């Protein structure tokens, strides 16, 4: 499933419990994702397949968050700063509505999602200050 960061989310039903098969599929997938210019990869590893976690780490994945039934791991493939959001605790952001004399609202798109229109605004990066 391709998502907003031009990445891929791999679901629990796609994770084999055999580490050898997992590594084979992962290597093929990483090659395909790099060729397609994918950036952020999310893998949700169910607890019954936890034996594959060291293989994912070996190939550049790191822990993102965990829930009772799974571990979410990520890998930023791009040569740019990792833009995957950290696990949600809170976000600080702002937006602004601009309306002209003809009652038209200003909307923008972002480079990563040119077909998605939104009001201008953004979120602070972790550690970034407001002022």
N, C-alpha and C. Protein backbone atom coordinates (compact mmCIF):
# COMPACT_ATOMS: atom_id res chain seq x y z
N UNK A 1 0.85 -1.18 0.00
CA UNK A 1 0.00 0.00 0.00
C UNK A 1 0.90 1.24 0.00
N UNK A 2 0.80 2.08 -1.03
CA UNK A 2 1.58 3.32 -1.12
C UNK A 2 0.88 4.39 -0.29
N UNK A 3 1.66 5.18 0.47
CA UNK A 3 1.08 6.18 1.33
C UNK A 3 1.68 7.56 1.09
N UNK A 4 1.30 8.54 1.90
CA UNK A 4 1.58 9.95 1.68
C UNK A 4 3.07 10.29 1.58
N UNK A 5 3.95 9.56 2.20
CA UNK A 5 5.37 9.85 2.14
C UNK A 5 6.04 9.15 0.96
N UNK A 6 5.25 8.76 -0.04
CA UNK A 6 5.71 7.97 -1.17
C UNK A 6 6.42 6.73 -0.66
N UNK A 7 5.82 6.17 0.35
CA UNK A 7 6.37 4.97 0.96
C UNK A 7 5.41 3.81 0.85
N UNK A 8 5.71 2.79 1.58
CA UNK A 8 4.91 1.57 1.52
C UNK A 8 4.64 1.10 2.94
N UNK A 9 3.43 0.64 3.18
CA UNK A 9 3.09 0.00 4.44
C UNK A 9 2.87 -1.47 4.17
N UNK A 10 3.63 -2.31 4.85
CA UNK A 10 3.52 -3.76 4.71
C UNK A 10 2.68 -4.27 5.87
N UNK A 11 1.59 -4.93 5.55
CA UNK A 11 0.67 -5.41 6.58
C UNK A 11 1.09 -6.71 7.21
N UNK A 12 0.47 -7.02 8.35
CA UNK A 12 0.82 -8.23 9.09
C UNK A 12 0.58 -9.50 8.28
N UNK A 13 -0.39 -9.47 7.40
CA UNK A 13 -0.70 -10.67 6.61
C UNK A 13 0.36 -10.94 5.54
N UNK A 14 1.29 -10.01 5.33
CA UNK A 14 2.34 -10.16 4.33
C UNK A 14 3.68 -10.60 4.93
N UNK A 15 3.73 -10.83 6.23
CA UNK A 15 4.97 -11.17 6.90
C UNK A 15 5.05 -12.67 7.14
N UNK A 16 5.95 -13.38 6.46
CA UNK A 16 6.10 -14.81 6.74
C UNK A 16 6.79 -15.01 8.09
N UNK A 17 6.45 -16.09 8.76
CA UNK A 17 7.04 -16.38 10.07
C UNK A 17 8.41 -17.04 9.95
N UNK A 18 8.79 -17.49 8.76
CA UNK A 18 10.08 -18.11 8.53
C UNK A 18 11.11 -17.01 8.21
N UNK A 19 12.17 -16.87 9.02
CA UNK A 19 13.16 -15.81 8.79
C UNK A 19 13.85 -15.87 7.43
N UNK A 20 14.10 -17.06 6.91
CA UNK A 20 14.76 -17.20 5.60
C UNK A 20 13.85 -16.67 4.50
N UNK A 21 12.58 -17.05 4.54
CA UNK A 21 11.62 -16.56 3.54
C UNK A 21 11.40 -15.07 3.70
N UNK A 22 11.33 -14.59 4.94
CA UNK A 22 11.18 -13.16 5.17
C UNK A 22 12.33 -12.38 4.55
N UNK A 23 13.57 -12.83 4.78
CA UNK A 23 14.72 -12.12 4.24
C UNK A 23 14.71 -12.14 2.71
N UNK A 24 14.35 -13.25 2.13
CA UNK A 24 14.28 -13.34 0.66
C UNK A 24 13.29 -12.32 0.11
N UNK A 25 12.10 -12.30 0.69
CA UNK A 25 11.07 -11.35 0.23
C UNK A 25 11.47 -9.90 0.51
N UNK A 26 12.08 -9.68 1.68
CA UNK A 26 12.48 -8.32 2.05
C UNK A 26 13.53 -7.77 1.08
N UNK A 27 14.52 -8.57 0.74
CA UNK A 27 15.56 -8.12 -0.20
C UNK A 27 14.98 -7.78 -1.56
N UNK A 28 14.08 -8.63 -2.07
CA UNK A 28 13.42 -8.34 -3.35
C UNK A 28 12.59 -7.07 -3.26
N UNK A 29 11.87 -6.91 -2.16
CA UNK A 29 11.02 -5.73 -1.98
C UNK A 29 11.85 -4.47 -1.86
N UNK A 30 12.93 -4.49 -1.08
CA UNK A 30 13.79 -3.31 -0.94
C UNK A 30 14.34 -2.87 -2.29
N UNK A 31 14.75 -3.83 -3.10
CA UNK A 31 15.25 -3.50 -4.44
C UNK A 31 14.15 -2.84 -5.27
N UNK A 32 12.95 -3.41 -5.24
CA UNK A 32 11.82 -2.87 -6.00
C UNK A 32 11.45 -1.47 -5.50
N UNK A 33 11.39 -1.29 -4.20
CA UNK A 33 11.03 0.00 -3.62
C UNK A 33 12.05 1.07 -3.98
N UNK A 34 13.33 0.73 -3.94
CA UNK A 34 14.37 1.70 -4.31
C UNK A 34 14.26 2.08 -5.78
N UNK A 35 14.02 1.09 -6.64
CA UNK A 35 13.87 1.36 -8.08
C UNK A 35 12.67 2.26 -8.35
N UNK A 36 11.63 2.15 -7.56
CA UNK A 36 10.42 2.97 -7.73
C UNK A 36 10.50 4.30 -6.99
N UNK A 37 11.60 4.56 -6.31
CA UNK A 37 11.78 5.82 -5.61
C UNK A 37 10.98 5.94 -4.33
N UNK A 38 10.57 4.81 -3.76
CA UNK A 38 9.85 4.84 -2.49
C UNK A 38 10.78 5.38 -1.40
N UNK A 39 10.20 6.06 -0.42
CA UNK A 39 11.04 6.68 0.61
C UNK A 39 10.87 6.01 1.96
N UNK A 40 9.71 6.07 2.54
CA UNK A 40 9.49 5.53 3.87
C UNK A 40 8.81 4.18 3.83
N UNK A 41 9.40 3.21 4.48
CA UNK A 41 8.82 1.86 4.51
C UNK A 41 8.39 1.55 5.94
N UNK A 42 7.17 1.11 6.08
CA UNK A 42 6.60 0.72 7.37
C UNK A 42 6.32 -0.78 7.32
N UNK A 43 6.81 -1.52 8.31
CA UNK A 43 6.51 -2.95 8.39
C UNK A 43 5.91 -3.24 9.77
N UNK A 44 4.71 -3.78 9.75
CA UNK A 44 4.02 -4.16 10.98
C UNK A 44 4.26 -5.65 11.19
N UNK A 45 5.09 -5.98 12.17
CA UNK A 45 5.46 -7.37 12.42
C UNK A 45 4.61 -7.92 13.55
N UNK A 46 3.77 -8.91 13.26
CA UNK A 46 2.93 -9.48 14.31
C UNK A 46 3.77 -10.26 15.32
N UNK A 47 3.28 -10.36 16.52
CA UNK A 47 4.04 -11.01 17.58
C UNK A 47 4.41 -12.45 17.22
N UNK A 48 3.56 -13.15 16.48
CA UNK A 48 3.86 -14.54 16.13
C UNK A 48 4.99 -14.65 15.10
N UNK A 49 5.37 -13.52 14.46
CA UNK A 49 6.48 -13.52 13.51
C UNK A 49 7.69 -12.76 14.07
N UNK A 50 7.75 -12.56 15.38
CA UNK A 50 8.80 -11.74 15.98
C UNK A 50 10.21 -12.28 15.71
N UNK A 51 10.33 -13.51 15.32
CA UNK A 51 11.64 -14.10 14.99
C UNK A 51 12.30 -13.38 13.80
N UNK A 52 11.53 -12.63 12.99
CA UNK A 52 12.09 -11.94 11.82
C UNK A 52 12.63 -10.55 12.17
N UNK A 53 12.44 -10.08 13.40
CA UNK A 53 12.87 -8.73 13.77
C UNK A 53 14.37 -8.52 13.55
N UNK A 54 15.25 -9.42 13.98
CA UNK A 54 16.69 -9.21 13.72
C UNK A 54 17.03 -9.07 12.24
N UNK A 55 16.30 -9.77 11.38
CA UNK A 55 16.54 -9.67 9.94
C UNK A 55 16.16 -8.28 9.44
N UNK A 56 15.05 -7.75 9.91
CA UNK A 56 14.64 -6.40 9.52
C UNK A 56 15.68 -5.37 9.98
N UNK A 57 16.16 -5.51 11.21
CA UNK A 57 17.18 -4.60 11.73
C UNK A 57 18.45 -4.69 10.88
N UNK A 58 18.84 -5.89 10.52
CA UNK A 58 20.03 -6.12 9.68
C UNK A 58 19.95 -5.35 8.37
N UNK A 59 18.73 -5.15 7.86
CA UNK A 59 18.54 -4.47 6.58
C UNK A 59 18.05 -3.03 6.73
N UNK A 60 18.35 -2.42 7.88
CA UNK A 60 18.15 -0.98 8.03
C UNK A 60 16.88 -0.54 8.72
N UNK A 61 16.07 -1.44 9.17
CA UNK A 61 14.82 -1.06 9.84
C UNK A 61 15.09 -0.76 11.32
N UNK A 62 14.31 0.16 11.86
CA UNK A 62 14.41 0.49 13.28
C UNK A 62 13.02 0.46 13.90
N UNK A 63 12.99 0.39 15.21
CA UNK A 63 11.72 0.34 15.93
C UNK A 63 11.02 1.70 15.86
N UNK A 64 9.74 1.68 15.60
CA UNK A 64 8.94 2.90 15.61
C UNK A 64 8.04 2.92 16.84
N UNK A 65 7.22 1.90 16.97
CA UNK A 65 6.37 1.77 18.15
C UNK A 65 5.89 0.33 18.27
N UNK A 66 5.31 0.02 19.40
CA UNK A 66 4.80 -1.32 19.62
C UNK A 66 3.42 -1.26 20.24
N UNK A 67 2.66 -2.27 19.97
CA UNK A 67 1.35 -2.49 20.58
C UNK A 67 1.35 -3.94 21.06
N UNK A 68 0.36 -4.34 21.84
CA UNK A 68 0.38 -5.71 22.37
C UNK A 68 0.51 -6.81 21.31
N UNK A 69 0.01 -6.58 20.10
CA UNK A 69 0.01 -7.65 19.10
C UNK A 69 1.03 -7.47 17.97
N UNK A 70 1.77 -6.35 17.94
CA UNK A 70 2.72 -6.14 16.85
C UNK A 70 3.80 -5.13 17.22
N UNK A 71 4.86 -5.12 16.40
CA UNK A 71 5.92 -4.12 16.45
C UNK A 71 5.94 -3.42 15.10
N UNK A 72 5.89 -2.10 15.09
CA UNK A 72 6.00 -1.34 13.85
C UNK A 72 7.46 -0.94 13.67
N UNK A 73 8.01 -1.25 12.49
CA UNK A 73 9.38 -0.90 12.16
C UNK A 73 9.37 -0.02 10.91
N UNK A 74 10.36 0.86 10.80
CA UNK A 74 10.44 1.75 9.64
C UNK A 74 11.86 1.76 9.07
N UNK A 75 11.92 2.15 7.80
CA UNK A 75 13.20 2.31 7.11
C UNK A 75 13.04 3.46 6.13
N UNK A 76 13.84 4.50 6.27
CA UNK A 76 13.80 5.65 5.36
C UNK A 76 14.83 5.40 4.27
N UNK A 77 14.38 5.15 3.04
CA UNK A 77 15.27 4.77 1.94
C UNK A 77 15.87 5.95 1.20
N UNK A 78 15.27 7.12 1.32
CA UNK A 78 15.73 8.29 0.57
C UNK A 78 17.04 8.82 1.14
N UNK A 79 17.76 9.57 0.32
CA UNK A 79 19.02 10.20 0.75
C UNK A 79 18.78 11.55 1.39
N UNK A 80 17.57 11.80 1.82
CA UNK A 80 17.20 13.06 2.46
C UNK A 80 16.91 12.79 3.94
N UNK A 81 16.65 13.88 4.68
CA UNK A 81 16.31 13.73 6.08
C UNK A 81 15.03 12.91 6.22
N UNK A 82 15.02 12.02 7.19
CA UNK A 82 13.85 11.17 7.44
C UNK A 82 12.66 12.04 7.82
N UNK A 83 11.59 11.96 7.05
CA UNK A 83 10.39 12.75 7.30
C UNK A 83 9.25 11.92 7.86
N UNK A 84 9.49 10.66 8.20
CA UNK A 84 8.43 9.86 8.80
C UNK A 84 8.10 10.43 10.17
N UNK A 85 6.83 10.55 10.48
CA UNK A 85 6.48 11.10 11.80
C UNK A 85 6.88 10.14 12.91
N UNK A 86 7.24 10.73 14.04
CA UNK A 86 7.52 9.91 15.21
C UNK A 86 6.19 9.37 15.72
N UNK A 87 6.25 8.44 16.65
CA UNK A 87 5.01 7.90 17.20
C UNK A 87 4.24 9.01 17.89
N UNK A 88 2.97 9.03 17.70
CA UNK A 88 2.12 10.12 18.17
C UNK A 88 2.05 10.18 19.69
N UNK A 89 2.48 11.31 20.20
CA UNK A 89 2.16 11.68 21.57
C UNK A 89 1.37 12.97 21.48
N UNK A 90 1.87 13.88 20.66
CA UNK A 90 1.16 15.12 20.36
C UNK A 90 1.87 15.78 19.18
N UNK A 91 1.16 16.63 18.49
CA UNK A 91 1.72 17.41 17.40
C UNK A 91 1.33 18.87 17.59
N UNK A 92 2.23 19.76 17.22
CA UNK A 92 1.93 21.19 17.24
C UNK A 92 1.99 21.66 15.81
N UNK A 93 0.95 22.32 15.39
CA UNK A 93 0.90 22.83 14.04
C UNK A 93 0.02 24.05 13.96
N UNK A 94 -0.02 24.64 12.79
CA UNK A 94 -0.91 25.78 12.58
C UNK A 94 -1.35 25.78 11.14
N UNK A 95 -2.42 26.45 10.89
CA UNK A 95 -2.94 26.61 9.55
C UNK A 95 -3.63 27.95 9.45
N UNK A 96 -3.81 28.44 8.26
CA UNK A 96 -4.46 29.73 8.08
C UNK A 96 -5.43 29.70 6.93
N UNK A 97 -6.56 30.32 7.12
CA UNK A 97 -7.56 30.43 6.07
C UNK A 97 -7.46 31.83 5.47
N UNK A 98 -7.24 31.88 4.16
CA UNK A 98 -7.14 33.15 3.45
C UNK A 98 -8.29 33.23 2.45
N UNK A 99 -9.12 34.25 2.59
CA UNK A 99 -10.28 34.44 1.71
C UNK A 99 -10.13 35.79 1.03
N UNK A 100 -10.27 35.82 -0.31
CA UNK A 100 -10.14 37.09 -1.03
C UNK A 100 -11.50 37.77 -1.18
N UNK A 101 -11.51 38.90 -1.91
CA UNK A 101 -12.74 39.69 -2.09
C UNK A 101 -13.84 38.92 -2.81
N UNK A 102 -13.46 37.91 -3.61
CA UNK A 102 -14.47 37.13 -4.35
C UNK A 102 -14.91 35.90 -3.57
N UNK A 103 -14.57 35.85 -2.28
CA UNK A 103 -14.94 34.73 -1.40
C UNK A 103 -14.27 33.42 -1.82
N UNK A 104 -13.08 33.51 -2.43
CA UNK A 104 -12.31 32.32 -2.80
C UNK A 104 -11.32 32.02 -1.67
N UNK A 105 -11.13 30.74 -1.40
CA UNK A 105 -10.23 30.30 -0.34
C UNK A 105 -8.92 29.85 -0.95
N UNK A 106 -7.81 30.27 -0.36
CA UNK A 106 -6.49 29.85 -0.80
C UNK A 106 -6.23 28.41 -0.36
N UNK A 107 -5.90 27.55 -1.31
CA UNK A 107 -5.53 26.16 -1.02
C UNK A 107 -4.18 25.89 -1.66
N UNK A 108 -3.45 24.93 -1.09
CA UNK A 108 -2.12 24.58 -1.61
C UNK A 108 -2.03 23.06 -1.75
N UNK A 109 -1.00 22.64 -2.47
CA UNK A 109 -0.63 21.22 -2.51
C UNK A 109 0.82 21.13 -2.07
N UNK A 110 1.25 19.93 -1.74
CA UNK A 110 2.65 19.71 -1.40
C UNK A 110 3.30 18.89 -2.49
N UNK A 111 4.61 19.00 -2.60
CA UNK A 111 5.34 18.28 -3.64
C UNK A 111 5.08 16.78 -3.59
N UNK A 112 5.01 16.22 -2.38
CA UNK A 112 4.82 14.78 -2.23
C UNK A 112 3.41 14.33 -2.60
N UNK A 113 2.43 15.21 -2.47
CA UNK A 113 1.02 14.85 -2.72
C UNK A 113 0.34 15.93 -3.56
N UNK A 114 0.72 16.06 -4.84
CA UNK A 114 0.17 17.16 -5.65
C UNK A 114 -1.33 17.06 -5.93
N UNK A 115 -1.94 15.92 -5.71
CA UNK A 115 -3.39 15.80 -5.95
C UNK A 115 -4.21 16.06 -4.69
N UNK A 116 -3.54 16.33 -3.57
CA UNK A 116 -4.23 16.58 -2.30
C UNK A 116 -4.16 18.07 -1.98
N UNK A 117 -5.31 18.73 -1.92
CA UNK A 117 -5.39 20.16 -1.64
C UNK A 117 -5.67 20.38 -0.15
N UNK A 118 -5.07 21.44 0.42
CA UNK A 118 -5.27 21.74 1.84
C UNK A 118 -5.06 23.22 2.09
N UNK A 119 -5.46 23.66 3.30
CA UNK A 119 -5.18 25.05 3.66
C UNK A 119 -3.69 25.17 3.99
N UNK A 120 -3.10 26.36 3.81
CA UNK A 120 -1.69 26.52 4.12
C UNK A 120 -1.42 26.31 5.61
N UNK A 121 -0.32 25.69 5.92
CA UNK A 121 0.04 25.46 7.31
C UNK A 121 1.10 24.40 7.40
N UNK A 122 1.33 23.96 8.60
CA UNK A 122 2.32 22.91 8.78
C UNK A 122 2.47 22.52 10.23
N UNK A 123 3.35 21.55 10.45
CA UNK A 123 3.60 21.05 11.80
C UNK A 123 5.04 21.33 12.17
N UNK A 124 5.29 21.47 13.45
CA UNK A 124 6.66 21.61 13.94
C UNK A 124 7.33 20.25 13.92
N UNK A 125 8.60 20.23 13.57
CA UNK A 125 9.39 19.01 13.68
C UNK A 125 9.79 18.82 15.14
N UNK A 126 10.03 17.58 15.58
CA UNK A 126 10.45 17.36 16.96
C UNK A 126 11.70 18.20 17.28
N UNK A 127 11.65 18.92 18.39
CA UNK A 127 12.76 19.76 18.80
C UNK A 127 12.75 21.17 18.22
N UNK A 128 11.90 21.43 17.24
CA UNK A 128 11.82 22.76 16.64
C UNK A 128 11.06 23.70 17.57
N UNK A 129 11.50 24.95 17.64
CA UNK A 129 10.87 25.93 18.51
C UNK A 129 9.86 26.77 17.73
N UNK A 130 8.86 27.28 18.46
CA UNK A 130 7.83 28.12 17.83
C UNK A 130 8.35 29.46 17.37
N UNK A 131 9.24 30.07 18.13
CA UNK A 131 9.64 31.44 17.86
C UNK A 131 10.85 31.61 17.05
